[in-house]
N, C-alpha and C. Protein backbone atom coordinates (compact mmCIF):
# COMPACT_ATOMS: atom_id res chain seq x y z
N MET A 1 0.69 -1.22 0.14
CA MET A 1 -0.06 -0.09 0.25
C MET A 1 0.81 1.29 0.10
N LYS A 2 0.13 2.30 -0.70
CA LYS A 2 1.38 3.57 -0.76
C LYS A 2 0.42 4.86 -0.45
N VAL A 3 0.64 5.70 0.35
CA VAL A 3 0.05 6.75 0.12
C VAL A 3 0.74 8.02 -0.30
N GLU A 4 -0.35 8.84 -1.11
CA GLU A 4 0.22 9.85 -1.92
C GLU A 4 0.13 11.31 -0.95
N ARG A 5 1.05 11.97 -0.79
CA ARG A 5 0.73 13.51 -0.19
C ARG A 5 0.84 14.49 -1.39
N ARG A 6 0.02 15.34 -1.46
CA ARG A 6 -0.05 16.13 -2.78
C ARG A 6 0.38 17.55 -1.90
N ALA A 7 1.02 18.22 -2.69
CA ALA A 7 1.43 19.79 -2.43
C ALA A 7 0.40 20.30 -1.57
N ASP A 8 -0.74 20.38 -1.83
CA ASP A 8 -1.71 21.20 -1.23
C ASP A 8 -2.16 20.50 0.19
N GLY A 9 -1.35 19.31 0.60
CA GLY A 9 -1.73 18.82 1.74
C GLY A 9 -2.38 17.52 1.84
N ARG A 10 -3.51 17.31 0.87
CA ARG A 10 -4.32 16.32 0.40
C ARG A 10 -3.69 15.04 0.48
N ILE A 11 -4.08 13.86 1.07
CA ILE A 11 -3.82 12.47 1.07
C ILE A 11 -4.40 11.66 -0.04
N ILE A 12 -3.81 11.37 -0.49
CA ILE A 12 -4.88 10.01 -1.57
C ILE A 12 -4.22 8.28 -1.65
N VAL A 13 -5.02 7.76 -1.05
CA VAL A 13 -5.09 6.39 -0.91
C VAL A 13 -6.05 5.40 -1.70
N GLU A 14 -5.56 4.12 -2.32
CA GLU A 14 -6.45 3.71 -2.95
C GLU A 14 -7.83 3.34 -2.15
N ALA A 15 -8.96 3.57 -2.16
CA ALA A 15 -10.39 3.41 -1.47
C ALA A 15 -10.45 2.08 -1.23
N ALA A 16 -10.18 1.06 -2.41
CA ALA A 16 -10.30 -0.23 -2.48
C ALA A 16 -9.40 -0.81 -1.47
N GLU A 17 -8.37 -0.51 -1.08
CA GLU A 17 -7.26 -0.83 -0.02
C GLU A 17 -7.78 -0.56 1.25
N LEU A 18 -8.08 0.59 1.33
CA LEU A 18 -8.70 0.97 2.71
C LEU A 18 -10.02 0.47 3.47
N ALA A 19 -10.86 0.58 2.03
CA ALA A 19 -12.24 -0.12 2.55
C ALA A 19 -12.01 -1.49 3.90
N PRO A 20 -11.52 -2.62 3.37
CA PRO A 20 -11.28 -3.56 3.92
C PRO A 20 -11.11 -3.63 5.57
N LEU A 21 -9.94 -2.46 5.44
CA LEU A 21 -9.27 -2.36 6.60
C LEU A 21 -10.08 -1.92 8.05
N LEU A 22 -11.30 -1.05 7.15
CA LEU A 22 -12.14 -0.77 8.48
C LEU A 22 -13.36 -1.31 8.36
N GLY A 23 -13.33 -2.73 7.62
CA GLY A 23 -14.53 -3.36 7.87
C GLY A 23 -15.84 -3.07 6.89
N LEU A 24 -15.41 -1.95 5.94
CA LEU A 24 -16.50 -1.76 4.91
C LEU A 24 -16.05 -2.35 3.65
N ASP A 25 -17.32 -2.32 2.94
CA ASP A 25 -17.18 -2.55 1.40
C ASP A 25 -16.67 -1.18 0.55
N LEU A 26 -16.32 -1.47 -0.55
CA LEU A 26 -16.10 -0.15 -1.20
C LEU A 26 -16.86 1.14 -1.40
N ALA A 27 -18.38 0.59 -1.95
CA ALA A 27 -19.22 1.67 -1.70
C ALA A 27 -19.66 2.09 -0.30
N GLU A 28 -20.04 1.61 0.58
CA GLU A 28 -20.10 1.96 2.06
C GLU A 28 -18.77 3.03 2.42
N PHE A 29 -17.66 2.52 2.23
CA PHE A 29 -16.54 3.37 2.49
C PHE A 29 -16.45 4.88 1.95
N GLN A 30 -16.75 4.50 0.60
CA GLN A 30 -16.94 6.02 -0.28
C GLN A 30 -17.97 6.84 0.35
N SER A 31 -18.98 6.24 0.64
CA SER A 31 -20.52 7.06 1.05
C SER A 31 -19.66 7.62 2.52
N GLN A 32 -19.12 7.22 3.55
CA GLN A 32 -19.03 7.55 4.68
C GLN A 32 -17.86 8.72 4.72
N MET A 33 -16.78 8.46 3.35
CA MET A 33 -15.88 9.51 3.49
C MET A 33 -16.50 10.69 3.03
N ARG A 34 -17.40 10.60 2.01
CA ARG A 34 -18.16 11.43 1.73
C ARG A 34 -18.95 12.41 2.50
N SER A 35 -19.53 11.71 3.19
CA SER A 35 -20.38 12.16 4.43
C SER A 35 -19.47 12.37 5.94
N GLY A 36 -18.58 12.51 5.41
CA GLY A 36 -17.66 12.89 6.97
C GLY A 36 -17.76 11.74 8.17
N GLN A 37 -18.21 10.68 7.86
CA GLN A 37 -18.44 9.45 8.96
C GLN A 37 -16.92 8.98 9.38
N ILE A 38 -16.23 9.27 8.40
CA ILE A 38 -14.42 8.61 8.54
C ILE A 38 -14.01 9.81 8.91
N ALA A 39 -13.35 9.89 9.63
CA ALA A 39 -12.71 11.18 9.88
C ALA A 39 -11.01 10.75 9.77
N THR A 40 -10.24 11.63 9.22
CA THR A 40 -9.07 11.78 8.73
C THR A 40 -7.99 12.68 9.63
N GLY A 41 -6.90 12.32 9.74
CA GLY A 41 -5.54 12.96 10.28
C GLY A 41 -4.33 12.68 9.91
N THR A 42 -3.60 13.74 9.69
CA THR A 42 -2.15 13.58 9.40
C THR A 42 -1.20 14.46 10.51
N GLU A 43 0.21 13.55 10.67
CA GLU A 43 1.00 13.93 11.69
C GLU A 43 2.53 13.75 10.90
N GLU A 44 3.33 14.64 11.16
CA GLU A 44 4.80 14.73 10.50
C GLU A 44 5.68 14.30 11.69
N GLY A 45 6.55 13.36 11.00
CA GLY A 45 7.42 12.64 11.89
C GLY A 45 8.46 14.11 12.76
N GLN A 46 8.73 13.97 13.79
CA GLN A 46 10.05 14.54 14.26
C GLN A 46 11.17 14.06 14.76
N GLY A 47 12.14 14.70 15.14
CA GLY A 47 13.43 14.36 15.67
C GLY A 47 13.96 12.75 14.86
N GLU A 48 14.02 11.89 15.32
CA GLU A 48 14.45 10.66 14.53
C GLU A 48 13.38 10.10 13.34
N ASP A 49 12.34 10.56 13.85
CA ASP A 49 11.18 10.27 12.70
C ASP A 49 11.08 10.99 11.31
N ALA A 50 11.84 12.32 11.22
CA ALA A 50 11.71 13.04 10.83
C ALA A 50 11.89 12.55 8.83
N GLY A 51 10.67 13.30 8.28
CA GLY A 51 10.57 12.52 6.86
C GLY A 51 9.22 11.51 7.04
N ARG A 52 9.28 11.10 8.03
CA ARG A 52 8.01 10.08 8.01
C ARG A 52 6.44 10.93 8.13
N PHE A 53 5.67 10.22 7.84
CA PHE A 53 4.59 10.78 8.45
C PHE A 53 3.41 9.69 8.76
N ARG A 54 2.38 9.97 9.41
CA ARG A 54 1.42 9.19 10.07
C ARG A 54 -0.18 9.81 9.59
N VAL A 55 -0.62 8.52 8.80
CA VAL A 55 -2.21 9.02 8.55
C VAL A 55 -3.43 8.16 9.60
N THR A 56 -3.93 8.77 9.85
CA THR A 56 -5.22 7.99 10.76
C THR A 56 -6.63 8.28 10.09
N PHE A 57 -7.19 7.31 9.89
CA PHE A 57 -8.49 7.12 9.97
C PHE A 57 -9.69 6.40 10.68
N THR A 58 -10.56 7.10 11.13
CA THR A 58 -11.27 6.45 12.13
C THR A 58 -12.65 6.76 12.09
N SER A 59 -13.58 5.16 11.81
CA SER A 59 -14.78 5.20 11.34
C SER A 59 -15.35 5.13 12.58
N ALA A 60 -16.68 4.35 12.66
CA ALA A 60 -17.69 4.17 13.80
C ALA A 60 -16.88 3.13 14.73
N GLN A 61 -16.17 2.27 14.05
CA GLN A 61 -15.91 0.84 14.63
C GLN A 61 -14.35 0.65 14.72
N TRP A 62 -13.68 1.44 13.93
CA TRP A 62 -12.14 1.19 13.63
C TRP A 62 -11.03 2.57 13.57
N LYS A 63 -9.87 2.26 14.02
CA LYS A 63 -9.11 3.31 13.99
C LYS A 63 -8.06 2.75 13.33
N LEU A 64 -7.74 3.00 12.16
CA LEU A 64 -6.53 2.80 11.36
C LEU A 64 -5.55 3.64 11.21
N ARG A 65 -4.37 3.54 11.80
CA ARG A 65 -3.28 4.23 11.79
C ARG A 65 -2.17 3.96 10.84
N LEU A 66 -1.71 4.53 9.82
CA LEU A 66 -0.73 4.03 8.78
C LEU A 66 0.62 5.08 8.96
N THR A 67 1.78 4.29 9.64
CA THR A 67 2.66 5.15 9.29
C THR A 67 3.65 4.92 8.20
N CYS A 68 3.90 6.02 6.99
CA CYS A 68 4.24 5.92 6.24
C CYS A 68 5.94 6.53 5.89
N ALA A 69 6.62 5.83 5.28
CA ALA A 69 8.32 6.51 4.69
C ALA A 69 8.27 7.75 3.81
N ALA A 70 9.05 8.59 3.63
CA ALA A 70 8.82 9.92 3.16
C ALA A 70 8.37 9.87 1.51
N ASP A 71 8.40 8.47 1.21
CA ASP A 71 7.86 8.47 -0.45
C ASP A 71 6.75 7.76 -0.64
N GLY A 72 5.62 7.45 0.90
CA GLY A 72 4.63 7.27 0.82
C GLY A 72 4.51 5.61 1.09
N THR A 73 5.64 5.18 0.86
CA THR A 73 5.26 3.41 1.36
C THR A 73 5.08 3.27 2.89
N VAL A 74 3.95 2.62 2.96
CA VAL A 74 3.47 2.20 4.64
C VAL A 74 4.55 1.18 4.93
N ILE A 75 4.78 1.98 6.26
CA ILE A 75 6.03 0.68 6.82
C ILE A 75 5.30 0.34 8.13
N SER A 76 4.29 0.66 8.62
CA SER A 76 3.30 0.05 9.85
C SER A 76 2.10 0.50 9.65
N ARG A 77 1.06 -0.45 10.06
CA ARG A 77 0.03 -0.38 10.08
C ARG A 77 -0.81 -0.89 11.19
N ILE A 78 -1.63 -0.20 12.13
CA ILE A 78 -2.18 -0.52 13.18
C ILE A 78 -3.38 -0.43 13.06
N ARG A 79 -4.38 -1.41 13.83
CA ARG A 79 -5.88 -1.17 13.09
C ARG A 79 -6.58 -1.37 14.82
N THR A 80 -7.31 -0.58 15.45
CA THR A 80 -7.88 -0.57 16.63
C THR A 80 -9.25 -0.57 16.86
N ALA A 81 -9.87 -1.47 17.24
CA ALA A 81 -11.14 -1.49 17.68
C ALA A 81 -11.91 -0.07 18.34
N ILE A 82 -12.86 0.47 18.14
CA ILE A 82 -13.11 1.23 18.78
C ILE A 82 -14.40 0.93 19.71
N ALA A 83 -14.41 1.15 20.97
CA ALA A 83 -14.97 0.21 22.19
C ALA A 83 -16.60 1.07 21.89
N GLY A 84 -17.34 0.29 22.14
CA GLY A 84 -18.98 0.87 22.15
C GLY A 84 -19.33 1.58 23.19
N PRO A 85 -20.41 2.06 22.95
CA PRO A 85 -20.96 2.82 24.52
C PRO A 85 -20.97 2.10 25.74
N ARG A 86 -20.61 2.44 26.45
CA ARG A 86 -20.57 1.65 28.11
C ARG A 86 -21.88 1.58 28.48
N LEU A 87 -22.18 0.63 29.20
CA LEU A 87 -23.79 0.18 29.77
C LEU A 87 -23.55 0.57 31.17
N SER A 88 -24.68 1.26 31.61
CA SER A 88 -24.74 1.66 32.83
C SER A 88 -25.47 0.87 34.10
């Protein structure tokens, strides 16, 4: 998997590769991205991680964090389940 960073700061990743990592089919993933139900964030590496960057995708059920080399190659992937509401 590769992540492209555009000059304007936009992140481009193949939806067909991301959808299953968030437990979604392609159409549902695209719909949730368009509606804002999937949040995204980016972080720049500092110090010994300079040149690397991290992209996080958060859906209702999963948080997916991709750590990337400067060229966009994914060097680590962490998927964490998001806990449901607590019962009182």
